[in-house]
C-alpha atoms as a PDB file:
ATOM      1  CA  MET A   1       0.079   0.214   0.011  1.00  0.00           C
ATOM      2  CA  SER A   2       1.621   3.196  -1.037  1.00  0.00           C
ATOM      3  CA  THR A   3       1.519   6.252   1.396  1.00  0.00           C
ATOM      4  CA  LYS A   4      -0.193   8.821  -1.344  1.00  0.00           C
ATOM      5  CA  THR A   5      -3.394   6.103  -2.066  1.00  0.00           C
ATOM      6  CA  SER A   6      -3.910   6.706   1.716  1.00  0.00           C
ATOM      7  CA  LEU A   7      -3.767   9.982   2.574  1.00  0.00           C
ATOM      8  CA  SER A   8      -5.404  10.459  -0.833  1.00  0.00           C
ATOM      9  CA  LEU A   9      -8.832   8.124   1.028  1.00  0.00           C
ATOM     10  CA  HIS A  10      -8.616   9.956   3.795  1.00  0.00           C
ATOM     11  CA  SER A  11      -8.685  13.525   1.902  1.00  0.00           C
ATOM     12  CA  GLU A  12     -12.090  12.174  -0.146  1.00  0.00           C
ATOM     13  CA  ASN A  13     -14.647  13.899   0.566  1.00  0.00           C
ATOM     14  CA  ARG A  14     -17.313  12.114  -1.553  1.00  0.00           C
ATOM     15  CA  PRO A  15     -19.476   9.331  -0.570  1.00  0.00           C
ATOM     16  CA  LEU A  16     -19.255   5.822  -1.520  1.00  0.00           C
ATOM     17  CA  SER A  17     -22.194   4.008  -3.222  1.00  0.00           C
ATOM     18  CA  LEU A  18     -22.719   0.357  -4.538  1.00  0.00           C
ATOM     19  CA  ALA A  19     -22.747  -0.134  -8.419  1.00  0.00           C
ATOM     20  CA  PRO A  20     -26.163  -0.764  -9.466  1.00  0.00           C
ATOM     21  CA  ASP A  21     -25.430  -3.628 -11.657  1.00  0.00           C
ATOM     22  CA  ILE A  22     -23.300  -5.410  -8.329  1.00  0.00           C
ATOM     23  CA  SER A  23     -25.238  -8.234  -8.041  1.00  0.00           C
ATOM     24  CA  ASP A  24     -23.901  -9.131 -12.234  1.00  0.00           C
ATOM     25  CA  ARG A  25     -20.421  -7.906 -11.231  1.00  0.00           C
ATOM     26  CA  LEU A  26     -20.324 -10.378  -8.457  1.00  0.00           C
ATOM     27  CA  GLN A  27     -20.580 -13.202 -10.699  1.00  0.00           C
ATOM     28  CA  ALA A  28     -17.180 -12.244 -12.251  1.00  0.00           C
ATOM     29  CA  VAL A  29     -14.873 -10.985  -9.858  1.00  0.00           C
ATOM     30  CA  GLU A  30     -13.768 -12.948  -6.296  1.00  0.00           C
ATOM     31  CA  ILE A  31     -13.465 -10.195  -3.456  1.00  0.00           C
ATOM     32  CA  THR A  32     -11.821 -11.277  -0.135  1.00  0.00           C
ATOM     33  CA  PRO A  33     -13.851 -11.327   3.435  1.00  0.00           C
ATOM     34  CA  GLU A  34     -12.065  -7.870   4.154  1.00  0.00           C
ATOM     35  CA  GLN A  35     -14.046  -6.695   0.943  1.00  0.00           C
ATOM     36  CA  GLY A  36     -17.181  -8.683   1.502  1.00  0.00           C
ATOM     37  CA  PHE A  37     -17.049  -6.615   5.083  1.00  0.00           C
ATOM     38  CA  ILE A  38     -16.379  -3.392   3.756  1.00  0.00           C
ATOM     39  CA  LEU A  39     -18.847  -3.287   1.069  1.00  0.00           C
ATOM     40  CA  SER A  40     -21.204  -4.207   3.704  1.00  0.00           C
ATOM     41  CA  ARG A  41     -20.746  -1.016   5.339  1.00  0.00           C
ATOM     42  CA  ILE A  42     -21.257   0.955   2.009  1.00  0.00           C
ATOM     43  CA  ASP A  43     -24.532   2.868   1.966  1.00  0.00           C
ATOM     44  CA  GLY A  44     -24.545   5.828  -0.165  1.00  0.00           C
ATOM     45  CA  ARG A  45     -23.712   8.391   2.311  1.00  0.00           C
ATOM     46  CA  LEU A  46     -20.078   7.431   4.185  1.00  0.00           C
ATOM     47  CA  THR A  47     -17.224   8.813   2.519  1.00  0.00           C
ATOM     48  CA  PRO A  48     -13.517   6.890   2.447  1.00  0.00           C
ATOM     49  CA  ARG A  49     -12.564   8.670   5.297  1.00  0.00           C
ATOM     50  CA  GLU A  50     -15.151   8.027   7.324  1.00  0.00           C
ATOM     51  CA  ILE A  51     -14.997   4.273   6.572  1.00  0.00           C
ATOM     52  CA  LEU A  52     -11.169   4.386   7.398  1.00  0.00           C
ATOM     53  CA  ALA A  53     -12.243   5.992  10.815  1.00  0.00           C
ATOM     54  CA  VAL A  54     -15.093   3.017  11.894  1.00  0.00           C
ATOM     55  CA  THR A  55     -13.924   0.169  10.593  1.00  0.00           C
ATOM     56  CA  PRO A  56     -12.641  -2.537  13.007  1.00  0.00           C
ATOM     57  CA  LEU A  57     -10.041  -3.376  10.118  1.00  0.00           C
ATOM     58  CA  ASP A  58      -6.195  -1.943  10.367  1.00  0.00           C
ATOM     59  CA  GLU A  59      -6.177   1.131   7.549  1.00  0.00           C
ATOM     60  CA  GLN A  60      -3.928  -1.254   5.771  1.00  0.00           C
ATOM     61  CA  GLN A  61      -6.652  -3.580   5.360  1.00  0.00           C
ATOM     62  CA  THR A  62      -9.229  -1.450   4.876  1.00  0.00           C
ATOM     63  CA  VAL A  63      -7.409   0.827   2.102  1.00  0.00           C
ATOM     64  CA  LEU A  64      -6.423  -2.292   0.271  1.00  0.00           C
ATOM     65  CA  ALA A  65     -10.080  -3.388  -0.172  1.00  0.00           C
ATOM     66  CA  LEU A  66     -11.159   0.352  -0.930  1.00  0.00           C
ATOM     67  CA  THR A  67      -8.729   0.767  -3.464  1.00  0.00           C
ATOM     68  CA  GLY A  68      -9.740  -3.148  -4.957  1.00  0.00           C
ATOM     69  CA  LEU A  69     -13.748  -2.945  -4.940  1.00  0.00           C
ATOM     70  CA  ILE A  70     -13.441   0.793  -6.915  1.00  0.00           C
ATOM     71  CA  ALA A  71     -10.945  -0.577  -9.640  1.00  0.00           C
ATOM     72  CA  SER A  72     -13.666  -3.443 -10.046  1.00  0.00           C
ATOM     73  CA  GLY A  73     -16.139  -0.890 -10.530  1.00  0.00           C
ATOM     74  CA  LEU A  74     -18.239  -2.496  -7.356  1.00  0.00           C
ATOM     75  CA  VAL A  75     -18.111   0.823  -5.524  1.00  0.00           C
ATOM     76  CA  LEU A  76     -18.995   3.927  -7.225  1.00  0.00           C
ATOM     77  CA  PHE A  77     -18.033   7.803  -6.203  1.00  0.00           C
ATOM     78  CA  ASN A  78     -21.045   9.818  -6.584  1.00  0.00           C
ATOM     79  CA  GLY A  79     -22.657   7.580  -8.843  1.00  0.00           C
ATOM     80  CA  ALA A  80     -19.609   7.081 -11.205  1.00  0.00           C
ATOM     81  CA  ALA A  81     -17.847   4.679 -12.237  1.00  0.00           C
ATOM     82  CA  GLN A  82     -13.896   4.386 -11.400  1.00  0.00           C
ATOM     83  CA  ASN A  83     -11.719   3.161 -13.949  1.00  0.00           C
ATOM     84  CA  ASP A  84     -14.064   1.111 -15.861  1.00  0.00           C
ATOM     85  CA  ALA A  85     -14.257   2.907 -19.513  1.00  0.00           C
ATOM     86  CA  SER A  86     -16.807   0.574 -20.422  1.00  0.00           C
ATOM     87  CA  LEU A  87     -19.348   2.737 -18.826  1.00  0.00           C
ATOM     88  CA  ASP A  88     -20.872   5.268 -20.737  1.00  0.00           C
ATOM     89  CA  SER A  89     -22.360   7.862 -18.381  1.00  0.00           C
ATOM     90  CA  ALA A  90     -24.955   8.702 -21.313  1.00  0.00           C
ATOM     91  CA  ASP A  91     -25.974   5.032 -20.453  1.00  0.00           C
ATOM     92  CA  ARG A  92     -26.448   6.239 -17.118  1.00  0.00           C
ATOM     93  CA  SER A  93     -29.080   8.603 -16.275  1.00  0.00           C
ATOM     94  CA  GLN A  94     -30.837   9.393 -13.723  1.00  0.00           C
ATOM     95  CA  LYS A  95     -34.112   7.604 -15.306  1.00  0.00           C
ATOM     96  CA  HIS A  96     -32.509   4.367 -15.953  1.00  0.00           C
ATOM     97  CA  VAL A  97     -30.799   3.857 -12.741  1.00  0.00           C
ATOM     98  CA  ASP A  98     -34.700   4.576 -11.170  1.00  0.00           C
ATOM     99  CA  LEU A  99     -35.781   1.626 -13.621  1.00  0.00           C
ATOM    100  CA  ALA A 100     -33.295  -0.276 -12.542  1.00  0.00           C
ATOM    101  CA  ARG A 101     -33.919   0.238  -8.961  1.00  0.00           C
ATOM    102  CA  ARG A 102     -37.776  -0.365  -9.554  1.00  0.00           C
ATOM    103  CA  GLU A 103     -37.077  -4.016 -10.575  1.00  0.00           C
ATOM    104  CA  LYS A 104     -34.776  -4.689  -8.012  1.00  0.00           C
ATOM    105  CA  LEU A 105     -37.394  -3.870  -5.073  1.00  0.00           C
ATOM    106  CA  ALA A 106     -39.708  -6.025  -7.348  1.00  0.00           C
ATOM    107  CA  GLU A 107     -37.120  -8.925  -7.466  1.00  0.00           C
ATOM    108  CA  ILE A 108     -37.164  -8.925  -3.396  1.00  0.00           C
ATOM    109  CA  GLU A 109     -40.708  -8.739  -3.054  1.00  0.00           C
ATOM    110  CA  ARG A 110     -41.154 -11.407  -5.248  1.00  0.00           C
ATOM    111  CA  HIS A 111     -38.318 -13.583  -3.351  1.00  0.00           C
ATOM    112  CA  HIS A 112     -40.089 -12.863   0.271  1.00  0.00           C
ATOM    113  CA  ARG A 113     -43.456 -14.237  -1.312  1.00  0.00           C
ATOM    114  CA  GLU A 114     -41.502 -17.244  -2.501  1.00  0.00           C
ATOM    115  CA  CYS A 115     -38.901 -17.963   0.205  1.00  0.00           C
ATOM    116  CA  GLU A 116     -40.651 -19.962   2.659  1.00  0.00           C
ATOM    117  CA  LYS A 117     -41.298 -22.439  -0.532  1.00  0.00           C
ATOM    118  CA  MET A 118     -38.106 -22.390  -2.109  1.00  0.00           C
ATOM    119  CA  THR A 119     -35.329 -25.021  -1.794  1.00  0.00           C
ATOM    120  CA  PRO A 120     -31.639 -24.533  -0.283  1.00  0.00           C
ATOM    121  CA  THR A 121     -30.427 -24.390  -3.511  1.00  0.00           C
ATOM    122  CA  GLU A 122     -33.056 -22.806  -4.725  1.00  0.00           C
ATOM    123  CA  LEU A 123     -32.513 -19.818  -2.793  1.00  0.00           C
ATOM    124  CA  LEU A 124     -29.475 -19.609  -3.250  1.00  0.00           C
ATOM    125  CA  GLY A 125     -29.151 -20.083  -7.292  1.00  0.00           C
ATOM    126  CA  ILE A 126     -27.439 -22.904  -7.571  1.00  0.00           C
ATOM    127  CA  SER A 127     -27.716 -26.086  -8.746  1.00  0.00           C
ATOM    128  CA  THR A 128     -27.925 -29.375  -6.172  1.00  0.00           C
ATOM    129  CA  ASP A 129     -24.323 -30.793  -6.674  1.00  0.00           C
ATOM    130  CA  ALA A 130     -22.631 -27.700  -6.224  1.00  0.00           C
ATOM    131  CA  GLY A 131     -19.514 -27.564  -3.982  1.00  0.00           C
ATOM    132  CA  MET A 132     -18.658 -25.658  -1.293  1.00  0.00           C
ATOM    133  CA  ASP A 133     -16.441 -22.841  -3.317  1.00  0.00           C
ATOM    134  CA  GLU A 134     -19.737 -22.258  -5.336  1.00  0.00           C
ATOM    135  CA  ILE A 135     -22.126 -22.248  -2.598  1.00  0.00           C
ATOM    136  CA  LYS A 136     -19.793 -19.663  -0.646  1.00  0.00           C
ATOM    137  CA  ARG A 137     -19.884 -17.958  -3.560  1.00  0.00           C
ATOM    138  CA  ALA A 138     -23.418 -17.997  -4.108  1.00  0.00           C
ATOM    139  CA  PHE A 139     -24.406 -16.840  -0.200  1.00  0.00           C
ATOM    140  CA  ARG A 140     -22.071 -14.460  -0.128  1.00  0.00           C
ATOM    141  CA  GLN A 141     -23.648 -12.406  -3.401  1.00  0.00           C
ATOM    142  CA  LYS A 142     -27.443 -13.400  -2.030  1.00  0.00           C
ATOM    143  CA  VAL A 143     -26.374 -11.531   1.904  1.00  0.00           C
ATOM    144  CA  LEU A 144     -24.844  -8.639  -0.164  1.00  0.00           C
ATOM    145  CA  HIS A 145     -28.079  -8.470  -2.321  1.00  0.00           C
ATOM    146  CA  PHE A 146     -29.992  -8.481   0.513  1.00  0.00           C
ATOM    147  CA  HIS A 147     -28.447  -6.065   2.932  1.00  0.00           C
ATOM    148  CA  PRO A 148     -30.606  -3.516   4.566  1.00  0.00           C
ATOM    149  CA  ASP A 149     -27.760  -1.039   3.791  1.00  0.00           C
ATOM    150  CA  ARG A 150     -28.223  -1.478   0.127  1.00  0.00           C
ATOM    151  CA  TYR A 151     -31.314   0.461   0.885  1.00  0.00           C
ATOM    152  CA  HIS A 152     -31.012   3.283   2.945  1.00  0.00           C
ATOM    153  CA  GLU A 153     -33.097   5.786   1.476  1.00  0.00           C
ATOM    154  CA  ILE A 154     -36.004   3.100   2.319  1.00  0.00           C
ATOM    155  CA  ASP A 155     -36.978   3.776   6.027  1.00  0.00           C
ATOM    156  CA  ASP A 156     -40.295   1.735   5.661  1.00  0.00           C
ATOM    157  CA  PRO A 157     -39.592  -0.710   8.710  1.00  0.00           C
ATOM    158  CA  VAL A 158     -41.766  -3.492   6.862  1.00  0.00           C
ATOM    159  CA  PHE A 159     -39.787  -3.162   3.932  1.00  0.00           C
ATOM    160  CA  ARG A 160     -36.423  -3.516   5.997  1.00  0.00           C
ATOM    161  CA  GLN A 161     -37.717  -6.222   7.944  1.00  0.00           C
ATOM    162  CA  LYS A 162     -38.351  -8.262   4.663  1.00  0.00           C
ATOM    163  CA  LEU A 163     -34.685  -8.107   3.991  1.00  0.00           C
ATOM    164  CA  SER A 164     -33.714  -8.834   7.426  1.00  0.00           C
ATOM    165  CA  HIS A 165     -35.701 -11.971   6.854  1.00  0.00           C
ATOM    166  CA  LEU A 166     -34.337 -12.720   3.335  1.00  0.00           C
ATOM    167  CA  VAL A 167     -30.889 -12.379   4.781  1.00  0.00           C
ATOM    168  CA  ALA A 168     -31.953 -14.605   7.880  1.00  0.00           C
ATOM    169  CA  VAL A 169     -33.331 -17.759   5.111  1.00  0.00           C
ATOM    170  CA  THR A 170     -30.400 -17.130   2.697  1.00  0.00           C
ATOM    171  CA  THR A 171     -28.003 -18.039   5.939  1.00  0.00           C
ATOM    172  CA  ASP A 172     -30.020 -20.935   6.964  1.00  0.00           C
ATOM    173  CA  ALA A 173     -29.787 -22.227   3.367  1.00  0.00           C
ATOM    174  CA  PHE A 174     -25.834 -21.857   3.727  1.00  0.00           C
ATOM    175  CA  ASN A 175     -25.756 -23.547   6.763  1.00  0.00           C
ATOM    176  CA  THR A 176     -28.332 -26.426   5.178  1.00  0.00           C
ATOM    177  CA  LEU A 177     -25.846 -27.316   2.462  1.00  0.00           C
ATOM    178  CA  SER A 178     -22.404 -26.977   4.376  1.00  0.00           C
ATOM    179  CA  GLU A 179     -23.934 -29.635   6.550  1.00  0.00           C
ATOM    180  CA  ARG A 180     -25.094 -31.647   3.819  1.00  0.00           C
ATOM    181  CA  LEU A 181     -21.652 -31.980   2.123  1.00  0.00           C
ATOM    182  CA  ALA A 182     -19.780 -31.838   5.863  1.00  0.00           C
ATOM    183  CA  SER A 183     -22.202 -34.833   6.410  1.00  0.00           C
ATOM    184  CA  LYS A 184     -21.410 -36.528   2.676  1.00  0.00           C
ATOM    185  CA  LYS A 185     -17.249 -36.255   3.382  1.00  0.00           C
ATOM    186  CA  ARG A 186     -18.170 -38.051   6.749  1.00  0.00           C
ATOM    187  CA  ALA A 187     -20.221 -40.872   5.301  1.00  0.00           C
ATOM    188  CA  SER A 188     -16.999 -40.970   2.999  1.00  0.00           C
ATOM    189  CA  THR A 189     -14.525 -41.370   5.731  1.00  0.00           C
ATOM    190  CA  GLY A 190     -16.503 -43.313   7.621  1.00  0.00           C
ATOM    191  CA  ALA A 191     -16.502 -40.849  10.336  1.00  0.00           C
ATOM    192  CA  PRO A 192     -20.300 -41.467  12.149  1.00  0.00           C
ATOM    193  CA  PRO A 193     -23.024 -39.226  10.889  1.00  0.00           C
ATOM    194  CA  LEU A 194     -24.514 -36.725  12.895  1.00  0.00           C
ATOM    195  CA  THR A 195     -27.901 -38.027  14.955  1.00  0.00           C
ATOM    196  CA  MET A 196     -30.663 -35.357  15.633  1.00  0.00           C
ATOM    197  CA  LYS A 197     -31.383 -34.097  18.981  1.00  0.00           C
ATOM    198  CA  ARG A 198     -34.800 -34.574  20.699  1.00  0.00           C
ATOM    199  CA  ASP A 199     -36.162 -30.697  19.736  1.00  0.00           C
ATOM    200  CA  GLY A 200     -34.936 -31.722  15.980  1.00  0.00           C
ATOM    201  CA  GLU A 201     -31.211 -29.857  16.093  1.00  0.00           C
ATOM    202  CA  LEU A 202     -28.257 -31.534  15.038  1.00  0.00           C
ATOM    203  CA  ASP A 203     -26.177 -32.733  17.803  1.00  0.00           C
ATOM    204  CA  GLY A 204     -22.940 -30.776  17.383  1.00  0.00           C
ATOM    205  CA  TYR A 205     -25.130 -27.859  16.610  1.00  0.00           C
ATOM    206  CA  ASP A 206     -25.755 -25.647  19.541  1.00  0.00           C
ATOM    207  CA  ALA A 207     -28.285 -23.440  19.002  1.00  0.00           C
ATOM    208  CA  ARG A 208     -28.076 -20.660  22.135  1.00  0.00           C
ATOM    209  CA  HIS A 209     -24.287 -20.740  21.189  1.00  0.00           C
ATOM    210  CA  HIS A 210     -25.089 -19.289  17.605  1.00  0.00           C
ATOM    211  CA  ALA A 211     -27.661 -16.961  18.880  1.00  0.00           C
ATOM    212  CA  LEU A 212     -25.243 -15.474  21.485  1.00  0.00           C
ATOM    213  CA  GLU A 213     -22.585 -15.241  18.813  1.00  0.00           C
ATOM    214  CA  LEU A 214     -25.581 -12.702  16.634  1.00  0.00           C
ATOM    215  CA  TYR A 215     -25.936 -11.019  19.654  1.00  0.00           C
ATOM    216  CA  GLN A 216     -22.206 -10.137  20.650  1.00  0.00           C
ATOM    217  CA  HIS A 217     -22.070  -9.081  17.038  1.00  0.00           C
ATOM    218  CA  ALA A 218     -25.174  -7.114  17.158  1.00  0.00           C
ATOM    219  CA  GLN A 219     -24.109  -5.512  20.557  1.00  0.00           C
ATOM    220  CA  ARG A 220     -20.747  -4.125  18.683  1.00  0.00           C
ATOM    221  CA  ALA A 221     -22.916  -2.583  15.984  1.00  0.00           C
ATOM    222  CA  TYR A 222     -24.960  -0.931  18.535  1.00  0.00           C
ATOM    223  CA  ASP A 223     -21.462   0.622  20.236  1.00  0.00           C
ATOM    224  CA  THR A 224     -20.364   1.657  16.912  1.00  0.00           C
ATOM    225  CA  GLN A 225     -23.952   3.094  16.037  1.00  0.00           C
ATOM    226  CA  ASP A 226     -24.154   0.615  13.091  1.00  0.00           C
ATOM    227  CA  PHE A 227     -28.374   0.623  13.926  1.00  0.00           C
ATOM    228  CA  TRP A 228     -29.127  -0.941  10.718  1.00  0.00           C
ATOM    229  CA  GLN A 229     -26.573  -3.477  11.388  1.00  0.00           C
ATOM    230  CA  THR A 230     -27.757  -3.875  15.169  1.00  0.00           C
ATOM    231  CA  ILE A 231     -31.415  -4.783  14.066  1.00  0.00           C
ATOM    232  CA  GLN A 232     -30.635  -6.987  11.299  1.00  0.00           C
ATOM    233  CA  LEU A 233     -28.179  -9.086  13.776  1.00  0.00           C
ATOM    234  CA  CYS A 234     -30.891  -8.800  16.409  1.00  0.00           C
ATOM    235  CA  ARG A 235     -33.760 -10.647  14.377  1.00  0.00           C
ATOM    236  CA  GLN A 236     -31.568 -13.442  13.482  1.00  0.00           C
ATOM    237  CA  ALA A 237     -30.381 -13.759  17.072  1.00  0.00           C
ATOM    238  CA  ILE A 238     -34.268 -13.861  17.581  1.00  0.00           C
ATOM    239  CA  GLU A 239     -35.000 -15.940  15.121  1.00  0.00           C
ATOM    240  CA  VAL A 240     -32.406 -18.859  16.576  1.00  0.00           C
ATOM    241  CA  LYS A 241     -33.514 -18.097  19.961  1.00  0.00           C
ATOM    242  CA  ASP A 242     -36.498 -15.872  20.737  1.00  0.00           C
ATOM    243  CA  ASP A 243     -36.558 -16.586  24.829  1.00  0.00           C
ATOM    244  CA  GLN A 244     -33.644 -14.448  25.450  1.00  0.00           C
ATOM    245  CA  PRO A 245     -34.903 -11.079  27.223  1.00  0.00           C
ATOM    246  CA  GLU A 246     -31.523  -9.237  26.221  1.00  0.00           C
ATOM    247  CA  TYR A 247     -31.838 -10.138  22.288  1.00  0.00           C
ATOM    248  CA  HIS A 248     -35.533  -7.921  22.235  1.00  0.00           C
ATOM    249  CA  PHE A 249     -34.187  -5.330  24.227  1.00  0.00           C
ATOM    250  CA  LEU A 250     -31.350  -4.475  22.337  1.00  0.00           C
ATOM    251  CA  LEU A 251     -33.096  -4.766  19.142  1.00  0.00           C
ATOM    252  CA  ALA A 252     -36.040  -2.567  20.985  1.00  0.00           C
ATOM    253  CA  ARG A 253     -32.922   0.344  21.672  1.00  0.00           C
ATOM    254  CA  ALA A 254     -31.766   0.421  18.296  1.00  0.00           C
ATOM    255  CA  LEU A 255     -35.612   0.952  16.777  1.00  0.00           C
ATOM    256  CA  LEU A 256     -36.032   3.504  19.012  1.00  0.00           C
ATOM    257  CA  LYS A 257     -33.188   5.230  17.022  1.00  0.00           C
ATOM    258  CA  ASN A 258     -36.225   6.113  14.566  1.00  0.00           C
ATOM    259  CA  LYS A 259     -39.540   7.614  15.584  1.00  0.00           C
ATOM    260  CA  LYS A 260     -41.041   5.768  12.490  1.00  0.00           C
ATOM    261  CA  TRP A 261     -40.350   2.465  14.378  1.00  0.00           C
ATOM    262  CA  ARG A 262     -41.358   2.525  17.833  1.00  0.00           C
ATOM    263  CA  LYS A 263     -44.310   0.669  17.109  1.00  0.00           C
ATOM    264  CA  GLU A 264     -41.985  -2.341  16.979  1.00  0.00           C
ATOM    265  CA  ALA A 265     -39.809  -1.259  19.707  1.00  0.00           C
ATOM    266  CA  GLY A 266     -42.676  -0.890  21.951  1.00  0.00           C
ATOM    267  CA  GLU A 267     -43.796  -4.704  20.875  1.00  0.00           C
ATOM    268  CA  SER A 268     -39.991  -5.697  21.295  1.00  0.00           C
ATOM    269  CA  LEU A 269     -39.958  -3.865  24.992  1.00  0.00           C
ATOM    270  CA  ARG A 270     -43.009  -5.662  25.926  1.00  0.00           C
ATOM    271  CA  LYS A 271     -41.514  -9.454  24.803  1.00  0.00           C
ATOM    272  CA  ALA A 272     -38.105  -8.207  26.783  1.00  0.00           C
ATOM    273  CA  ALA A 273     -40.197  -7.225  30.052  1.00  0.00           C
ATOM    274  CA  GLU A 274     -42.789 -10.258  29.801  1.00  0.00           C
ATOM    275  CA  LEU A 275     -39.595 -12.793  29.712  1.00  0.00           C
ATOM    276  CA  ASP A 276     -38.069 -11.350  32.948  1.00  0.00           C
ATOM    277  CA  PRO A 277     -40.783  -8.323  34.056  1.00  0.00           C
ATOM    278  CA  CYS A 278     -38.118  -7.710  37.053  1.00  0.00           C
ATOM    279  CA  ASN A 279     -35.627  -6.015  34.998  1.00  0.00           C
ATOM    280  CA  PRO A 280     -36.300  -2.684  35.675  1.00  0.00           C
ATOM    281  CA  ASP A 281     -34.379  -1.077  32.094  1.00  0.00           C
ATOM    282  CA  TYR A 282     -36.674  -3.243  30.006  1.00  0.00           C
ATOM    283  CA  LEU A 283     -40.149  -1.599  32.001  1.00  0.00           C
ATOM    284  CA  GLY A 284     -38.361   1.618  32.383  1.00  0.00           C
ATOM    285  CA  HIS A 285     -37.649   2.464  28.603  1.00  0.00           C
ATOM    286  CA  LEU A 286     -41.073   0.776  28.489  1.00  0.00           C
ATOM    287  CA  ALA A 287     -42.817   3.273  30.309  1.00  0.00           C
ATOM    288  CA  ALA A 288     -40.489   6.417  28.273  1.00  0.00           C
ATOM    289  CA  LEU A 289     -41.977   5.336  25.173  1.00  0.00           C
ATOM    290  CA  TYR A 290     -45.550   5.412  26.566  1.00  0.00           C
ATOM    291  CA  GLN A 291     -44.806   9.157  27.825  1.00  0.00           C
ATOM    292  CA  ARG A 292     -43.135   9.779  24.536  1.00  0.00           C
ATOM    293  CA  GLU A 293     -46.951   8.147  22.633  1.00  0.00           C
ATOM    294  CA  GLY A 294     -49.283  10.277  25.452  1.00  0.00           C
ATOM    295  CA  LEU A 295     -50.274   7.090  27.600  1.00  0.00           C
ATOM    296  CA  GLN A 296     -49.470   8.662  30.450  1.00  0.00           C
ATOM    297  CA  MET A 297     -51.776   6.501  32.382  1.00  0.00           C
ATOM    298  CA  ARG A 298     -50.106   3.415  31.094  1.00  0.00           C
ATOM    299  CA  ALA A 299     -46.493   5.359  32.053  1.00  0.00           C
ATOM    300  CA  LYS A 300     -47.873   6.061  35.692  1.00  0.00           C
ATOM    301  CA  LYS A 301     -48.536   2.445  36.009  1.00  0.00           C
ATOM    302  CA  LEU A 302     -45.057   1.137  34.906  1.00  0.00           C
ATOM    303  CA  LEU A 303     -42.988   3.466  36.919  1.00  0.00           C
ATOM    304  CA  GLU A 304     -44.957   2.522  40.009  1.00  0.00           C
ATOM    305  CA  GLN A 305     -43.243  -0.927  39.088  1.00  0.00           C
ATOM    306  CA  VAL A 306     -40.336   0.116  38.488  1.00  0.00           C
ATOM    307  CA  LYS A 307     -39.412   2.111  41.274  1.00  0.00           C
ATOM    308  CA  GLY A 308     -40.866  -1.039  43.402  1.00  0.00           C
ATOM    309  CA  ILE A 309     -37.862  -2.912  41.867  1.00  0.00           C
ATOM    310  CA  ASP A 310     -35.258  -0.214  42.095  1.00  0.00           C
ATOM    311  CA  PRO A 311     -36.734   3.050  44.249  1.00  0.00           C
ATOM    312  CA  ASP A 312     -33.281   4.825  42.358  1.00  0.00           C
ATOM    313  CA  TYR A 313     -33.736   3.936  39.034  1.00  0.00           C
ATOM    314  CA  GLU A 314     -34.098   7.116  36.078  1.00  0.00           C
ATOM    315  CA  ILE A 315     -36.444   7.148  33.817  1.00  0.00           C
ATOM    316  CA  PRO A 316     -34.379   6.934  30.131  1.00  0.00           C
ATOM    317  CA  GLU A 317     -34.234   9.843  27.639  1.00  0.00           C
ATOM    318  CA  LEU A 318     -35.736   9.027  24.506  1.00  0.00           C
ATOM    319  CA  PRO A 319     -34.374   9.768  20.813  1.00  0.00           C
ATOM    320  CA  ALA A 320     -36.859  12.648  19.938  1.00  0.00           C
END
């Protein structure tokens, strides 16, 4: 990495966005895990300098990943492709971009309607005899395609929930196919197969641990103020294990960052309080939400419960 490249990215003020045809472009290139991580941070608003400031990767990894993504045309400055003479700006009119966007949204709506009826291979768009490399590549492309950060301009909570659900079912499809290949490998080498537990889970798979890992990633995302990622990871953790009140509470705190999501935040807070009715934080945040929504009697009743648990508890200040 040259010092000149690093300095130029630090001084770059133009925001980065994903190429409109990124799904097609990903078919033709291989990306590193670092580049995949950086792609998940591209939301059309952050500049290279801001990405360098917030990423947990070290500076050299981030600069190398960014420069590679820009050179390949996967990432654009201000919607203009870099280093790709084949892209004629006259063919990138706003009308064509808007049309492509509408087609993508329609595709996501269709995929969401049909996903529950699709097999794991259909979900990933691969053949039934695909190998591990093809499965991984298809999974990475699908997750990038459905990632909520690609649609940052659409803040409809219902639509964003559909995106998160698609990421979750795609992850399930990947896990299923990976396990099938592993089982075939064990069978071919004479290793004993995995058996089913009484609750329907495979031996060797710890759902609680999986959910905890998702929750821990969500907590780190929240700490860096990546609330979209927090919401997505919390929803995935809850789909695996929905009996952990802290998962619902973290989801609610992220949802409370946008007043349009307060209804869903209330549902998550009520679920957390139902699972742990003696936690003053769960009840206190719900009381604060009721106050914000003008439901004073409900808020008063909850605050009485909170004071009975912790007389010194102070009701939290919610975002405006």
